[in-house]
Amino acid sequence: MITVDNKEPWSIFQDIKKILPDTLWESLYAGDYDISTEYALVLVTRKTTEDLANSITNGHLNDEARKMVEILNLSKKQIKVAILEIEGWMSATIDGSFRTKNKVWSQKWSYIWDYLLGLQLHGFLIDYSPNQHFTVDRLVKLHDYFSKPESEHDSLKAVSMPAGYSDQLKILCCIPGYDIILGKRMGEKFGTLRNIFSVPWQKRVEVDGIGQVKAQVIDSILDEEMKEE
C-alpha cells in the first residue's frame, strides 16, 4: 500500500490510485510517500529540482531526512529504505552554478552534488524522474519491487540500510545470511566486531536465529584467500 502525504499534488495521488486502488491520502510525519508492504517500509521524499536547491539551503531537507530515519528505525520490517526522488530538469552553467528550468541558482552544482553524496553515504538512495508522470511510474514500480520477499533481494542487504545504523552493523549485513535483526542480536551478545569474528562458531549459535551454517560462514569468509574477480 502507498500512502501519499496530503501536501503532495492531488494529481499524483489520483494517478497512483488508478493503478493501486488502496492508495491513501493522509498527513505523513516524514516523507511524501509511505510505501508499506509485507516485507518492506520505503519512505520517499519528492523534490522538484527547484525545491531541492531551496530545501538544501534552508535546512528543510536535513530535518525531513532525520524524521524519515526516525520512523525507519522504529519499523520492524525486514527491509527499510529511505529514498530521495528528484523530479525535473537540472544542469549547470559554464561557471558551475546549479541551473533548473526557470532559474540559475547561486549554489554551485558541486555544492548540490556533495550534499547528495552525503545523503547516500548515510544510507539514502537517490532516484530520478523527469516529470510527475514518471514519478507516478517510479512509485508504483517501487511498490511492486518491494512487495517481493527479502529472499529475492539479497543484493539489497548492504545498500538498503537507512541512515542511523553503525558501520559495524553494515559490515555484518554484508555477510551472506545476515540481516539487520541478526546483526543487532550479535552486537548485543558480543559487543564488538572483533569479538564476533574471534569467538568459536559454537558460541555464535547461542544467538537466536543463528544456526551452524550462519555461525560458520563468518570463519569461512575470514579464512578464504582473497581473489580478484
C-alpha atoms as a PDB file:
ATOM      1  CA  MET A   1       0.000   0.000   0.000  1.00  0.00           C
ATOM      2  CA  ILE A   2       1.115   3.560  -0.733  1.00  0.00           C
ATOM      3  CA  THR A   3       0.145   6.481   1.493  1.00  0.00           C
ATOM      4  CA  VAL A   4       0.531   9.881  -0.169  1.00  0.00           C
ATOM      5  CA  ASP A   5       1.093  12.924   2.017  1.00  0.00           C
ATOM      6  CA  ASN A   6      -1.851  15.302   1.628  1.00  0.00           C
ATOM      7  CA  LYS A   7       0.502  18.199   0.831  1.00  0.00           C
ATOM      8  CA  GLU A   8       1.566  16.474  -2.374  1.00  0.00           C
ATOM      9  CA  PRO A   9      -0.155  17.220  -5.721  1.00  0.00           C
ATOM     10  CA  TRP A  10      -3.654  15.753  -5.875  1.00  0.00           C
ATOM     11  CA  SER A  11      -2.970  14.645  -9.450  1.00  0.00           C
ATOM     12  CA  ILE A  12      -0.150  12.327  -8.327  1.00  0.00           C
ATOM     13  CA  PHE A  13      -2.403  10.720  -5.736  1.00  0.00           C
ATOM     14  CA  GLN A  14      -5.174  10.219  -8.281  1.00  0.00           C
ATOM     15  CA  ASP A  15      -2.847   8.678 -10.867  1.00  0.00           C
ATOM     16  CA  ILE A  16      -1.373   6.245  -8.324  1.00  0.00           C
ATOM     17  CA  LYS A  17      -4.836   5.319  -7.062  1.00  0.00           C
ATOM     18  CA  LYS A  18      -5.917   4.381 -10.590  1.00  0.00           C
ATOM     19  CA  ILE A  19      -3.212   1.708 -10.549  1.00  0.00           C
ATOM     20  CA  LEU A  20      -3.249   0.834  -6.836  1.00  0.00           C
ATOM     21  CA  PRO A  21      -6.830   1.373  -5.611  1.00  0.00           C
ATOM     22  CA  ASP A  22      -5.941   1.028  -1.895  1.00  0.00           C
ATOM     23  CA  THR A  23      -3.691   4.110  -2.030  1.00  0.00           C
ATOM     24  CA  LEU A  24      -4.346   6.509   0.877  1.00  0.00           C
ATOM     25  CA  TRP A  25      -4.290  10.314   1.083  1.00  0.00           C
ATOM     26  CA  GLU A  26      -3.176  11.358   4.582  1.00  0.00           C
ATOM     27  CA  SER A  27      -0.806  13.604   6.519  1.00  0.00           C
ATOM     28  CA  LEU A  28       2.590  11.917   6.948  1.00  0.00           C
ATOM     29  CA  TYR A  29       5.035  12.653   9.755  1.00  0.00           C
ATOM     30  CA  ALA A  30       8.016  12.017   7.495  1.00  0.00           C
ATOM     31  CA  GLY A  31       8.476  11.826   3.737  1.00  0.00           C
ATOM     32  CA  ASP A  32       5.945  12.385   0.983  1.00  0.00           C
ATOM     33  CA  TYR A  33       5.187   8.739   0.195  1.00  0.00           C
ATOM     34  CA  ASP A  34       4.977   5.804   2.588  1.00  0.00           C
ATOM     35  CA  ILE A  35       5.273   2.510   0.706  1.00  0.00           C
ATOM     36  CA  SER A  36       4.399  -0.282   3.107  1.00  0.00           C
ATOM     37  CA  THR A  37       4.408  -3.926   2.040  1.00  0.00           C
ATOM     38  CA  GLU A  38       4.515  -7.213   3.888  1.00  0.00           C
ATOM     39  CA  TYR A  39       8.314  -7.177   3.705  1.00  0.00           C
ATOM     40  CA  ALA A  40       9.410  -3.556   3.499  1.00  0.00           C
ATOM     41  CA  LEU A  41       8.900   0.026   4.573  1.00  0.00           C
ATOM     42  CA  VAL A  42      10.041   2.535   1.971  1.00  0.00           C
ATOM     43  CA  LEU A  43       9.844   6.273   2.677  1.00  0.00           C
ATOM     44  CA  VAL A  44      10.191   8.599  -0.295  1.00  0.00           C
ATOM     45  CA  THR A  45      10.590  12.356  -0.244  1.00  0.00           C
ATOM     46  CA  ARG A  46       9.946  14.014  -3.611  1.00  0.00           C
ATOM     47  CA  LYS A  47      11.815  17.183  -4.524  1.00  0.00           C
ATOM     48  CA  THR A  48      11.490  19.123  -7.731  1.00  0.00           C
ATOM     49  CA  THR A  49      14.881  20.437  -8.779  1.00  0.00           C
ATOM     50  CA  GLU A  50      13.891  23.935  -7.614  1.00  0.00           C
ATOM     51  CA  ASP A  51      12.684  22.634  -4.255  1.00  0.00           C
ATOM     52  CA  LEU A  52      15.846  20.565  -3.956  1.00  0.00           C
ATOM     53  CA  ALA A  53      18.062  23.648  -4.092  1.00  0.00           C
ATOM     54  CA  ASN A  54      15.829  25.539  -1.654  1.00  0.00           C
ATOM     55  CA  SER A  55      15.449  22.718   0.854  1.00  0.00           C
ATOM     56  CA  ILE A  56      19.187  22.038   0.968  1.00  0.00           C
ATOM     57  CA  THR A  57      19.941  25.708   1.585  1.00  0.00           C
ATOM     58  CA  ASN A  58      17.267  26.327   4.247  1.00  0.00           C
ATOM     59  CA  GLY A  59      17.889  23.049   6.064  1.00  0.00           C
ATOM     60  CA  HIS A  60      14.418  21.629   5.413  1.00  0.00           C
ATOM     61  CA  LEU A  61      15.797  18.519   3.724  1.00  0.00           C
ATOM     62  CA  ASN A  62      18.044  17.858   6.735  1.00  0.00           C
ATOM     63  CA  ASP A  63      15.038  17.964   9.066  1.00  0.00           C
ATOM     64  CA  GLU A  64      12.983  15.755   6.771  1.00  0.00           C
ATOM     65  CA  ALA A  65      15.797  13.203   6.458  1.00  0.00           C
ATOM     66  CA  ARG A  66      16.107  12.954  10.252  1.00  0.00           C
ATOM     67  CA  LYS A  67      12.366  12.313  10.601  1.00  0.00           C
ATOM     68  CA  MET A  68      12.492   9.628   7.912  1.00  0.00           C
ATOM     69  CA  VAL A  69      15.351   7.888   9.724  1.00  0.00           C
ATOM     70  CA  GLU A  70      13.413   8.110  12.996  1.00  0.00           C
ATOM     71  CA  ILE A  71      10.406   6.336  11.500  1.00  0.00           C
ATOM     72  CA  LEU A  72      12.505   3.708   9.730  1.00  0.00           C
ATOM     73  CA  ASN A  73      14.466   2.895  12.871  1.00  0.00           C
ATOM     74  CA  LEU A  74      11.208   2.159  14.699  1.00  0.00           C
ATOM     75  CA  SER A  75       9.941  -0.165  11.986  1.00  0.00           C
ATOM     76  CA  LYS A  76      10.185  -3.939  12.370  1.00  0.00           C
ATOM     77  CA  LYS A  77      10.059  -4.580   8.626  1.00  0.00           C
ATOM     78  CA  GLN A  78      12.757  -6.792   7.128  1.00  0.00           C
ATOM     79  CA  ILE A  79      13.748  -4.141   4.578  1.00  0.00           C
ATOM     80  CA  LYS A  80      13.804  -0.414   5.374  1.00  0.00           C
ATOM     81  CA  VAL A  81      14.681   2.126   2.703  1.00  0.00           C
ATOM     82  CA  ALA A  82      14.866   5.921   2.503  1.00  0.00           C
ATOM     83  CA  ILE A  83      14.700   7.452  -0.984  1.00  0.00           C
ATOM     84  CA  LEU A  84      15.092  10.994  -2.292  1.00  0.00           C
ATOM     85  CA  GLU A  85      13.162  11.276  -5.565  1.00  0.00           C
ATOM     86  CA  ILE A  86      14.472  14.204  -7.632  1.00  0.00           C
ATOM     87  CA  GLU A  87      11.988  15.405 -10.228  1.00  0.00           C
ATOM     88  CA  GLY A  88      12.575  17.749 -13.152  1.00  0.00           C
ATOM     89  CA  TRP A  89      15.327  19.182 -15.323  1.00  0.00           C
ATOM     90  CA  MET A  90      18.676  20.318 -13.966  1.00  0.00           C
ATOM     91  CA  SER A  91      22.065  21.235 -15.338  1.00  0.00           C
ATOM     92  CA  ALA A  92      24.996  23.565 -14.680  1.00  0.00           C
ATOM     93  CA  THR A  93      26.186  26.831 -16.192  1.00  0.00           C
ATOM     94  CA  ILE A  94      29.660  27.295 -17.622  1.00  0.00           C
ATOM     95  CA  ASP A  95      30.845  28.732 -14.303  1.00  0.00           C
ATOM     96  CA  GLY A  96      29.414  25.717 -12.421  1.00  0.00           C
ATOM     97  CA  SER A  97      26.233  27.238 -10.976  1.00  0.00           C
ATOM     98  CA  PHE A  98      23.243  24.957 -10.433  1.00  0.00           C
ATOM     99  CA  ARG A  99      20.600  25.506 -13.121  1.00  0.00           C
ATOM    100  CA  THR A 100      16.954  24.445 -13.219  1.00  0.00           C
ATOM    101  CA  LYS A 101      14.359  25.071 -15.908  1.00  0.00           C
ATOM    102  CA  ASN A 102      13.466  28.607 -14.819  1.00  0.00           C
ATOM    103  CA  LYS A 103      16.419  29.732 -12.725  1.00  0.00           C
ATOM    104  CA  VAL A 104      20.184  29.860 -12.287  1.00  0.00           C
ATOM    105  CA  TRP A 105      20.995  29.436  -8.611  1.00  0.00           C
ATOM    106  CA  SER A 106      23.763  30.971  -6.551  1.00  0.00           C
ATOM    107  CA  GLN A 107      24.613  27.472  -5.316  1.00  0.00           C
ATOM    108  CA  LYS A 108      27.229  25.602  -7.295  1.00  0.00           C
ATOM    109  CA  TRP A 109      26.473  22.274  -8.935  1.00  0.00           C
ATOM    110  CA  SER A 110      29.271  20.738  -6.881  1.00  0.00           C
ATOM    111  CA  TYR A 111      27.653  22.009  -3.655  1.00  0.00           C
ATOM    112  CA  ILE A 112      24.343  20.316  -4.502  1.00  0.00           C
ATOM    113  CA  TRP A 113      26.033  17.087  -5.535  1.00  0.00           C
ATOM    114  CA  ASP A 114      28.310  16.983  -2.495  1.00  0.00           C
ATOM    115  CA  TYR A 115      25.204  17.221  -0.337  1.00  0.00           C
ATOM    116  CA  LEU A 116      23.544  14.376  -2.254  1.00  0.00           C
ATOM    117  CA  LEU A 117      26.689  12.304  -1.884  1.00  0.00           C
ATOM    118  CA  GLY A 118      26.486  12.861   1.869  1.00  0.00           C
ATOM    119  CA  LEU A 119      22.899  11.591   1.898  1.00  0.00           C
ATOM    120  CA  GLN A 120      23.952   8.481   0.016  1.00  0.00           C
ATOM    121  CA  LEU A 121      26.823   7.842   2.405  1.00  0.00           C
ATOM    122  CA  HIS A 122      24.260   7.953   5.223  1.00  0.00           C
ATOM    123  CA  GLY A 123      22.133   5.272   3.576  1.00  0.00           C
ATOM    124  CA  PHE A 124      19.700   7.260   1.415  1.00  0.00           C
ATOM    125  CA  LEU A 125      19.029   6.162  -2.146  1.00  0.00           C
ATOM    126  CA  ILE A 126      18.798   8.821  -4.858  1.00  0.00           C
ATOM    127  CA  ASP A 127      16.243   8.257  -7.612  1.00  0.00           C
ATOM    128  CA  TYR A 128      15.381  10.493 -10.570  1.00  0.00           C
ATOM    129  CA  SER A 129      12.239  11.297 -12.508  1.00  0.00           C
ATOM    130  CA  PRO A 130      11.957  13.838 -15.365  1.00  0.00           C
ATOM    131  CA  ASN A 131       8.341  14.789 -14.529  1.00  0.00           C
ATOM    132  CA  GLN A 132       5.260  13.904 -12.474  1.00  0.00           C
ATOM    133  CA  HIS A 133       4.117  11.255 -14.937  1.00  0.00           C
ATOM    134  CA  PHE A 134       7.338   9.329 -14.440  1.00  0.00           C
ATOM    135  CA  THR A 135       7.247   9.960 -10.682  1.00  0.00           C
ATOM    136  CA  VAL A 136       3.975   8.031 -10.546  1.00  0.00           C
ATOM    137  CA  ASP A 137       5.557   5.263 -12.600  1.00  0.00           C
ATOM    138  CA  ARG A 138       8.595   5.131 -10.302  1.00  0.00           C
ATOM    139  CA  LEU A 139       6.461   4.977  -7.136  1.00  0.00           C
ATOM    140  CA  VAL A 140       4.317   2.156  -8.490  1.00  0.00           C
ATOM    141  CA  LYS A 141       7.399   0.227  -9.587  1.00  0.00           C
ATOM    142  CA  LEU A 142       8.973   0.716  -6.158  1.00  0.00           C
ATOM    143  CA  HIS A 143       5.804  -0.673  -4.595  1.00  0.00           C
ATOM    144  CA  ASP A 144       5.894  -3.700  -6.886  1.00  0.00           C
ATOM    145  CA  TYR A 145       9.602  -4.241  -6.323  1.00  0.00           C
ATOM    146  CA  PHE A 146       9.436  -4.167  -2.534  1.00  0.00           C
ATOM    147  CA  SER A 147       6.336  -6.368  -2.458  1.00  0.00           C
ATOM    148  CA  LYS A 148       8.695  -9.286  -3.093  1.00  0.00           C
ATOM    149  CA  PRO A 149      10.115 -11.248  -0.140  1.00  0.00           C
ATOM    150  CA  GLU A 150      13.565 -10.487   1.224  1.00  0.00           C
ATOM    151  CA  SER A 151      14.918 -13.730  -0.235  1.00  0.00           C
ATOM    152  CA  GLU A 152      14.591 -12.149  -3.675  1.00  0.00           C
ATOM    153  CA  HIS A 153      16.566  -9.067  -2.619  1.00  0.00           C
ATOM    154  CA  ASP A 154      19.858 -10.437  -1.328  1.00  0.00           C
ATOM    155  CA  SER A 155      21.723  -7.665  -3.156  1.00  0.00           C
ATOM    156  CA  LEU A 156      19.938  -5.058  -1.021  1.00  0.00           C
ATOM    157  CA  LYS A 157      21.292  -6.206   2.324  1.00  0.00           C
ATOM    158  CA  ALA A 158      24.275  -3.858   2.213  1.00  0.00           C
ATOM    159  CA  VAL A 159      22.719  -0.874   0.433  1.00  0.00           C
ATOM    160  CA  SER A 160      19.136  -0.667   1.650  1.00  0.00           C
ATOM    161  CA  MET A 161      20.023   0.189   5.234  1.00  0.00           C
ATOM    162  CA  PRO A 162      18.833   3.701   6.144  1.00  0.00           C
ATOM    163  CA  ALA A 163      20.890   6.308   7.911  1.00  0.00           C
ATOM    164  CA  GLY A 164      21.470   5.854  11.623  1.00  0.00           C
ATOM    165  CA  TYR A 165      22.987   2.375  11.661  1.00  0.00           C
ATOM    166  CA  SER A 166      26.621   1.811  12.616  1.00  0.00           C
ATOM    167  CA  ASP A 167      29.385   0.849  10.207  1.00  0.00           C
ATOM    168  CA  GLN A 168      29.801  -2.369  12.199  1.00  0.00           C
ATOM    169  CA  LEU A 169      26.192  -3.364  11.561  1.00  0.00           C
ATOM    170  CA  LYS A 170      26.541  -2.549   7.864  1.00  0.00           C
ATOM    171  CA  ILE A 171      29.603  -4.799   7.656  1.00  0.00           C
ATOM    172  CA  LEU A 172      27.744  -7.666   9.335  1.00  0.00           C
ATOM    173  CA  CYS A 173      24.840  -7.286   6.913  1.00  0.00           C
ATOM    174  CA  CYS A 174      27.247  -7.848   4.010  1.00  0.00           C
ATOM    175  CA  ILE A 175      27.784 -11.430   5.224  1.00  0.00           C
ATOM    176  CA  PRO A 176      25.523 -13.942   3.432  1.00  0.00           C
ATOM    177  CA  GLY A 177      22.554 -14.882   5.591  1.00  0.00           C
ATOM    178  CA  TYR A 178      22.825 -11.905   7.946  1.00  0.00           C
ATOM    179  CA  ASP A 179      20.369  -9.025   8.125  1.00  0.00           C
ATOM    180  CA  ILE A 180      19.785  -6.045  10.427  1.00  0.00           C
ATOM    181  CA  ILE A 181      17.932  -8.079  13.054  1.00  0.00           C
ATOM    182  CA  LEU A 182      20.577 -10.811  13.310  1.00  0.00           C
ATOM    183  CA  GLY A 183      23.339  -8.205  13.227  1.00  0.00           C
ATOM    184  CA  LYS A 184      21.810  -6.377  16.187  1.00  0.00           C
ATOM    185  CA  ARG A 185      21.448  -9.601  18.155  1.00  0.00           C
ATOM    186  CA  MET A 186      25.096 -10.450  17.513  1.00  0.00           C
ATOM    187  CA  GLY A 187      26.125  -6.977  18.665  1.00  0.00           C
ATOM    188  CA  GLU A 188      24.086  -7.264  21.850  1.00  0.00           C
ATOM    189  CA  LYS A 189      25.653 -10.649  22.588  1.00  0.00           C
ATOM    190  CA  PHE A 190      29.324  -9.974  21.760  1.00  0.00           C
ATOM    191  CA  GLY A 191      29.697  -6.184  21.796  1.00  0.00           C
ATOM    192  CA  THR A 192      32.283  -5.650  19.037  1.00  0.00           C
ATOM    193  CA  LEU A 193      33.044  -6.975  15.565  1.00  0.00           C
ATOM    194  CA  ARG A 194      36.366  -8.306  16.804  1.00  0.00           C
ATOM    195  CA  ASN A 195      34.552 -10.398  19.403  1.00  0.00           C
ATOM    196  CA  ILE A 196      32.014 -11.625  16.863  1.00  0.00           C
ATOM    197  CA  PHE A 197      34.750 -12.634  14.437  1.00  0.00           C
ATOM    198  CA  SER A 198      37.073 -14.185  17.023  1.00  0.00           C
ATOM    199  CA  VAL A 199      34.739 -16.329  19.148  1.00  0.00           C
ATOM    200  CA  PRO A 200      34.337 -20.036  18.233  1.00  0.00           C
ATOM    201  CA  TRP A 201      31.375 -20.630  15.969  1.00  0.00           C
ATOM    202  CA  GLN A 202      29.801 -22.734  18.709  1.00  0.00           C
ATOM    203  CA  LYS A 203      29.340 -19.519  20.725  1.00  0.00           C
ATOM    204  CA  ARG A 204      27.618 -17.752  17.832  1.00  0.00           C
ATOM    205  CA  VAL A 205      24.842 -20.350  17.693  1.00  0.00           C
ATOM    206  CA  GLU A 206      23.797 -19.179  21.165  1.00  0.00           C
ATOM    207  CA  VAL A 207      22.299 -16.137  19.414  1.00  0.00           C
ATOM    208  CA  ASP A 208      18.641 -16.598  18.460  1.00  0.00           C
ATOM    209  CA  GLY A 209      18.339 -17.166  14.720  1.00  0.00           C
ATOM    210  CA  ILE A 210      21.976 -18.220  14.189  1.00  0.00           C
ATOM    211  CA  GLY A 211      22.335 -21.846  13.161  1.00  0.00           C
ATOM    212  CA  GLN A 212      25.510 -23.772  12.435  1.00  0.00           C
ATOM    213  CA  VAL A 213      25.686 -22.666   8.805  1.00  0.00           C
ATOM    214  CA  LYS A 214      25.389 -18.959   9.594  1.00  0.00           C
ATOM    215  CA  ALA A 215      27.725 -19.324  12.545  1.00  0.00           C
ATOM    216  CA  GLN A 216      30.430 -20.955  10.445  1.00  0.00           C
ATOM    217  CA  VAL A 217      30.114 -18.776   7.336  1.00  0.00           C
ATOM    218  CA  ILE A 218      31.949 -15.972   9.168  1.00  0.00           C
ATOM    219  CA  ASP A 219      35.002 -18.204   9.666  1.00  0.00           C
ATOM    220  CA  SER A 220      34.800 -19.357   6.056  1.00  0.00           C
ATOM    221  CA  ILE A 221      34.885 -15.768   4.790  1.00  0.00           C
ATOM    222  CA  LEU A 222      37.708 -14.756   7.136  1.00  0.00           C
ATOM    223  CA  ASP A 223      39.844 -17.787   6.235  1.00  0.00           C
ATOM    224  CA  GLU A 224      39.232 -17.825   2.493  1.00  0.00           C
ATOM    225  CA  GLU A 225      42.048 -16.464   0.362  1.00  0.00           C
ATOM    226  CA  MET A 226      41.164 -13.151  -1.284  1.00  0.00           C
ATOM    227  CA  LYS A 227      40.735 -13.366  -5.037  1.00  0.00           C
ATOM    228  CA  GLU A 228      40.323 -10.767  -7.763  1.00  0.00           C
ATOM    229  CA  GLU A 229      37.281 -11.492  -9.907  1.00  0.00           C
END
